[in-house]
Amino acid sequence: MTTMKHLPLIIVAVLLAGCGNIQGQLDREKISSLHYDTVECPALIAQKNAAMSQISQLTNGAGYREPSVITGFGPILPDYRTANQKKAGALQGQVDSMTRSIARRKCTG
C-alpha cells in the first residue's frame, strides 16, 4: 500500500532524471586542458580572448556563473538554464581549460 502512495513521486523522479540532468551537463562543460597543449601560445590566447568576448555577449556583460544546485538534487533536476546560459557555460569550460594550458606552458601574450 505504501508503494502505491509513493508511485506518483517515483514516476516524476524517473521522468525528471531522463530529461538531461543539470549535473551531467555541468560536468560535460569541464574539459581537459591537454587538448589545448598542441595549439601555439599566441593562437591559444587569441582563442581564449574570443571565447571570453562571446561569454560577455551571451551574458550581457555579467560573465558566466555556474548555477547553484542543491547538493544531491543535481542528478534529478533538469537543466533549467536558458540557451544563452548553456552556450556561455560550454564556452566557460573551454576558457578554463585554455587558461590552465596557458599557465602550465607559461605562455605570455
C-alpha atoms as a PDB file:
ATOM      1  CA  MET A   1       0.000   0.000   0.000  1.00  0.00           C
ATOM      2  CA  THR A   2       2.766   2.498   0.807  1.00  0.00           C
ATOM      3  CA  THR A   3       4.356   1.798  -2.573  1.00  0.00           C
ATOM      4  CA  MET A   4       1.168   2.916  -4.317  1.00  0.00           C
ATOM      5  CA  LYS A   5       1.112   6.101  -2.254  1.00  0.00           C
ATOM      6  CA  HIS A   6       4.631   6.994  -3.419  1.00  0.00           C
ATOM      7  CA  LEU A   7       4.176   5.859  -7.027  1.00  0.00           C
ATOM      8  CA  PRO A   8       3.441   9.354  -8.449  1.00  0.00           C
ATOM      9  CA  LEU A   9       6.588  10.715  -6.792  1.00  0.00           C
ATOM     10  CA  ILE A  10       8.661   7.846  -8.158  1.00  0.00           C
ATOM     11  CA  ILE A  11       7.299   8.409 -11.659  1.00  0.00           C
ATOM     12  CA  VAL A  12       8.058  12.158 -11.544  1.00  0.00           C
ATOM     13  CA  ALA A  13      11.607  11.492 -10.297  1.00  0.00           C
ATOM     14  CA  VAL A  14      12.250   8.978 -13.076  1.00  0.00           C
ATOM     15  CA  LEU A  15      10.873  11.341 -15.732  1.00  0.00           C
ATOM     16  CA  LEU A  16      12.977  14.246 -14.492  1.00  0.00           C
ATOM     17  CA  ALA A  17      16.098  12.108 -14.381  1.00  0.00           C
ATOM     18  CA  GLY A  18      15.606  11.200 -18.029  1.00  0.00           C
ATOM     19  CA  CYS A  19      15.412  14.824 -19.203  1.00  0.00           C
ATOM     20  CA  GLY A  20      19.129  15.567 -19.210  1.00  0.00           C
ATOM     21  CA  ASN A  21      20.024  16.468 -15.673  1.00  0.00           C
ATOM     22  CA  ILE A  22      21.818  19.678 -14.843  1.00  0.00           C
ATOM     23  CA  GLN A  23      24.711  17.995 -13.049  1.00  0.00           C
ATOM     24  CA  GLY A  24      25.530  15.904 -16.102  1.00  0.00           C
ATOM     25  CA  GLN A  25      25.503  18.999 -18.292  1.00  0.00           C
ATOM     26  CA  LEU A  26      27.737  20.935 -15.885  1.00  0.00           C
ATOM     27  CA  ASP A  27      30.167  18.012 -15.733  1.00  0.00           C
ATOM     28  CA  ARG A  28      30.371  17.868 -19.551  1.00  0.00           C
ATOM     29  CA  GLU A  29      31.355  21.546 -19.628  1.00  0.00           C
ATOM     30  CA  LYS A  30      34.580  20.782 -17.774  1.00  0.00           C
ATOM     31  CA  ILE A  31      37.157  19.609 -20.302  1.00  0.00           C
ATOM     32  CA  SER A  32      40.805  18.641 -20.188  1.00  0.00           C
ATOM     33  CA  SER A  33      43.340  21.371 -20.799  1.00  0.00           C
ATOM     34  CA  LEU A  34      45.626  18.852 -22.518  1.00  0.00           C
ATOM     35  CA  HIS A  35      43.507  19.305 -25.639  1.00  0.00           C
ATOM     36  CA  TYR A  36      44.900  22.840 -25.989  1.00  0.00           C
ATOM     37  CA  ASP A  37      48.569  21.990 -25.403  1.00  0.00           C
ATOM     38  CA  THR A  38      49.146  21.477 -29.139  1.00  0.00           C
ATOM     39  CA  VAL A  39      47.904  24.984 -30.007  1.00  0.00           C
ATOM     40  CA  GLU A  40      50.575  27.677 -30.377  1.00  0.00           C
ATOM     41  CA  CYS A  41      50.537  30.126 -27.454  1.00  0.00           C
ATOM     42  CA  PRO A  42      49.568  33.262 -29.438  1.00  0.00           C
ATOM     43  CA  ALA A  43      46.720  31.412 -31.181  1.00  0.00           C
ATOM     44  CA  LEU A  44      45.505  29.946 -27.886  1.00  0.00           C
ATOM     45  CA  ILE A  45      45.489  33.342 -26.201  1.00  0.00           C
ATOM     46  CA  ALA A  46      43.506  34.736 -29.144  1.00  0.00           C
ATOM     47  CA  GLN A  47      41.011  31.834 -28.913  1.00  0.00           C
ATOM     48  CA  LYS A  48      40.625  32.386 -25.181  1.00  0.00           C
ATOM     49  CA  ASN A  49      40.011  36.126 -25.652  1.00  0.00           C
ATOM     50  CA  ALA A  50      37.431  35.443 -28.388  1.00  0.00           C
ATOM     51  CA  ALA A  51      35.607  32.928 -26.176  1.00  0.00           C
ATOM     52  CA  MET A  52      35.625  35.388 -23.270  1.00  0.00           C
ATOM     53  CA  SER A  53      34.136  38.033 -25.561  1.00  0.00           C
ATOM     54  CA  GLN A  54      31.371  35.620 -26.626  1.00  0.00           C
ATOM     55  CA  ILE A  55      30.606  34.837 -22.969  1.00  0.00           C
ATOM     56  CA  SER A  56      30.299  38.548 -22.269  1.00  0.00           C
ATOM     57  CA  GLN A  57      27.889  38.976 -25.194  1.00  0.00           C
ATOM     58  CA  LEU A  58      25.788  35.974 -24.166  1.00  0.00           C
ATOM     59  CA  THR A  59      25.513  37.146 -20.558  1.00  0.00           C
ATOM     60  CA  ASN A  60      25.094  40.874 -21.282  1.00  0.00           C
ATOM     61  CA  GLY A  61      28.428  41.630 -19.670  1.00  0.00           C
ATOM     62  CA  ALA A  62      27.664  39.798 -16.427  1.00  0.00           C
ATOM     63  CA  GLY A  63      30.006  36.874 -17.118  1.00  0.00           C
ATOM     64  CA  TYR A  64      29.118  33.233 -16.599  1.00  0.00           C
ATOM     65  CA  ARG A  65      28.225  31.956 -13.162  1.00  0.00           C
ATOM     66  CA  GLU A  66      27.653  28.278 -12.601  1.00  0.00           C
ATOM     67  CA  PRO A  67      24.163  27.746 -11.173  1.00  0.00           C
ATOM     68  CA  SER A  68      23.804  26.804  -7.533  1.00  0.00           C
ATOM     69  CA  VAL A  69      22.438  23.298  -7.380  1.00  0.00           C
ATOM     70  CA  ILE A  70      21.291  21.941  -4.034  1.00  0.00           C
ATOM     71  CA  THR A  71      23.561  19.062  -3.068  1.00  0.00           C
ATOM     72  CA  GLY A  72      22.023  15.757  -4.019  1.00  0.00           C
ATOM     73  CA  PHE A  73      19.488  17.200  -6.458  1.00  0.00           C
ATOM     74  CA  GLY A  74      21.835  17.716  -9.443  1.00  0.00           C
ATOM     75  CA  PRO A  75      21.255  14.241 -10.884  1.00  0.00           C
ATOM     76  CA  ILE A  76      17.458  14.633 -10.847  1.00  0.00           C
ATOM     77  CA  LEU A  77      16.990  18.316 -11.765  1.00  0.00           C
ATOM     78  CA  PRO A  78      16.611  19.094 -15.464  1.00  0.00           C
ATOM     79  CA  ASP A  79      18.967  21.644 -16.985  1.00  0.00           C
ATOM     80  CA  TYR A  80      16.867  24.754 -16.407  1.00  0.00           C
ATOM     81  CA  ARG A  81      19.369  27.278 -17.815  1.00  0.00           C
ATOM     82  CA  THR A  82      18.483  29.445 -20.820  1.00  0.00           C
ATOM     83  CA  ALA A  83      20.028  28.693 -24.209  1.00  0.00           C
ATOM     84  CA  ASN A  84      22.471  31.591 -23.761  1.00  0.00           C
ATOM     85  CA  GLN A  85      23.458  30.354 -20.295  1.00  0.00           C
ATOM     86  CA  LYS A  86      24.123  26.884 -21.700  1.00  0.00           C
ATOM     87  CA  LYS A  87      26.281  28.301 -24.512  1.00  0.00           C
ATOM     88  CA  ALA A  88      28.126  30.538 -22.042  1.00  0.00           C
ATOM     89  CA  GLY A  89      28.693  27.550 -19.738  1.00  0.00           C
ATOM     90  CA  ALA A  90      30.231  25.491 -22.515  1.00  0.00           C
ATOM     91  CA  LEU A  91      32.442  28.421 -23.527  1.00  0.00           C
ATOM     92  CA  GLN A  92      33.468  28.999 -19.906  1.00  0.00           C
ATOM     93  CA  GLY A  93      34.588  25.365 -19.702  1.00  0.00           C
ATOM     94  CA  GLN A  94      36.765  25.968 -22.750  1.00  0.00           C
ATOM     95  CA  VAL A  95      38.158  29.225 -21.311  1.00  0.00           C
ATOM     96  CA  ASP A  96      39.014  27.497 -18.033  1.00  0.00           C
ATOM     97  CA  SER A  97      40.825  24.727 -19.918  1.00  0.00           C
ATOM     98  CA  MET A  98      42.690  27.207 -22.117  1.00  0.00           C
ATOM     99  CA  THR A  99      43.710  29.172 -19.029  1.00  0.00           C
ATOM    100  CA  ARG A 100      45.172  26.043 -17.427  1.00  0.00           C
ATOM    101  CA  SER A 101      47.087  25.202 -20.612  1.00  0.00           C
ATOM    102  CA  ILE A 102      48.384  28.764 -20.901  1.00  0.00           C
ATOM    103  CA  ALA A 103      49.501  28.806 -17.257  1.00  0.00           C
ATOM    104  CA  ARG A 104      51.128  25.352 -17.432  1.00  0.00           C
ATOM    105  CA  ARG A 105      53.112  26.273 -20.539  1.00  0.00           C
ATOM    106  CA  LYS A 106      53.858  29.780 -19.218  1.00  0.00           C
ATOM    107  CA  CYS A 107      52.550  31.436 -22.383  1.00  0.00           C
ATOM    108  CA  THR A 108      52.818  35.205 -22.470  1.00  0.00           C
ATOM    109  CA  GLY A 109      50.600  37.398 -24.519  1.00  0.00           C
END
